[in-house]
Amino acid sequence: MRHAPPPVRPAGQEALKKQMMKEVSEEHSVQQEHSINMSCAMCCLSIVRFMMDHIDAMPLAVTARLLDTYDLLMVLCPLLETCLL
């Protein structure tokens, strides 16, 4: 949704006013909230993927802390659920 094209705007003034009022509605706000949550979750997943791509270069203590102490794999579950909803 981040790179979605802008909505098509009608040419008539009254039609444009109706569409603008519709976009301001609560449904549009919910859609924006979902889009923002999904974008944040995707950014987090991208960062974790980058870290996992370079896990061989990380010290063993860092890897152990990520997987054991912070349980990074289980932290990803809510993020994935956010993306799928």
Protein backbone atom coordinates (compact mmCIF):
# COMPACT_ATOMS: atom_id res chain seq x y z
CA MET A 1 0.00 0.00 0.00
CA ARG A 2 2.92 2.29 0.54
CA HIS A 3 3.54 2.57 -3.18
CA ALA A 4 -0.11 2.49 -4.20
CA PRO A 5 -1.12 5.10 -6.75
CA PRO A 6 -3.32 7.92 -5.51
CA PRO A 7 -7.06 7.41 -5.93
CA VAL A 8 -8.64 8.58 -9.16
CA ARG A 9 -10.34 11.93 -8.61
CA PRO A 10 -13.65 12.69 -10.33
CA ALA A 11 -13.88 15.77 -12.50
CA GLY A 12 -17.14 17.22 -11.11
CA GLN A 13 -17.04 19.39 -8.00
CA GLU A 14 -19.89 17.60 -6.21
CA ALA A 15 -18.52 14.15 -7.00
CA LEU A 16 -15.09 15.24 -5.79
CA LYS A 17 -16.60 16.56 -2.55
CA LYS A 18 -18.42 13.25 -1.95
CA GLN A 19 -15.26 11.25 -2.56
CA MET A 20 -13.20 13.48 -0.25
CA MET A 21 -15.80 13.06 2.52
CA LYS A 22 -15.71 9.30 2.00
CA GLU A 23 -11.90 9.24 2.32
CA VAL A 24 -12.10 11.11 5.62
CA SER A 25 -14.43 8.49 7.03
CA GLU A 26 -13.47 6.08 9.77
CA GLU A 27 -13.03 3.28 7.24
CA HIS A 28 -10.25 5.22 5.56
CA SER A 29 -8.58 5.81 8.92
CA VAL A 30 -8.69 2.10 9.69
CA GLN A 31 -7.21 1.36 6.28
CA GLN A 32 -4.39 3.85 6.90
CA GLU A 33 -3.72 2.33 10.33
CA HIS A 34 -3.47 -1.13 8.81
CA SER A 35 -1.16 0.17 6.09
CA ILE A 36 1.14 1.84 8.65
CA ASN A 37 1.21 -1.26 10.87
CA MET A 38 2.03 -3.45 7.88
CA SER A 39 4.81 -1.10 6.74
CA CYS A 40 6.36 -1.09 10.23
CA ALA A 41 6.17 -4.88 10.44
CA MET A 42 7.76 -5.28 7.01
CA CYS A 43 10.60 -2.92 7.97
CA CYS A 44 11.25 -4.91 11.14
CA LEU A 45 11.24 -8.16 9.21
CA SER A 46 13.68 -6.69 6.69
CA ILE A 47 16.07 -5.69 9.46
CA VAL A 48 15.88 -9.14 11.04
CA ARG A 49 16.42 -10.77 7.65
CA PHE A 50 19.52 -8.63 7.10
CA MET A 51 20.83 -9.65 10.51
CA MET A 52 20.20 -13.32 9.78
CA ASP A 53 21.95 -13.03 6.41
CA HIS A 54 25.06 -11.87 8.28
CA ILE A 55 24.75 -14.11 11.32
CA ASP A 56 27.97 -15.91 10.39
CA ALA A 57 29.91 -12.67 10.84
CA MET A 58 28.35 -11.96 14.26
CA PRO A 59 30.11 -13.06 17.42
CA LEU A 60 28.65 -16.15 19.03
CA ALA A 61 27.62 -14.16 22.12
CA VAL A 62 25.46 -11.83 19.99
CA THR A 63 23.82 -14.76 18.23
CA ALA A 64 23.13 -16.51 21.53
CA ARG A 65 21.63 -13.37 23.03
CA LEU A 66 19.37 -12.81 20.03
CA LEU A 67 18.11 -16.38 19.99
CA ASP A 68 18.13 -17.30 23.68
CA THR A 69 17.70 -14.13 25.73
CA TYR A 70 15.49 -12.10 23.40
CA ASP A 71 13.92 -15.13 21.67
CA LEU A 72 13.97 -13.27 18.38
CA LEU A 73 12.14 -16.00 16.49
CA MET A 74 9.10 -15.79 18.77
CA VAL A 75 9.13 -11.99 18.55
CA LEU A 76 8.63 -12.34 14.81
CA CYS A 77 5.33 -14.21 15.18
CA PRO A 78 3.20 -11.16 16.08
CA LEU A 79 4.89 -9.22 13.28
CA LEU A 80 3.99 -11.89 10.76
CA GLU A 81 0.42 -11.97 12.07
CA THR A 82 0.24 -8.20 11.62
CA CYS A 83 1.32 -8.56 8.01
CA LEU A 84 -1.17 -11.31 7.27
CA LEU A 85 -4.26 -9.67 8.79
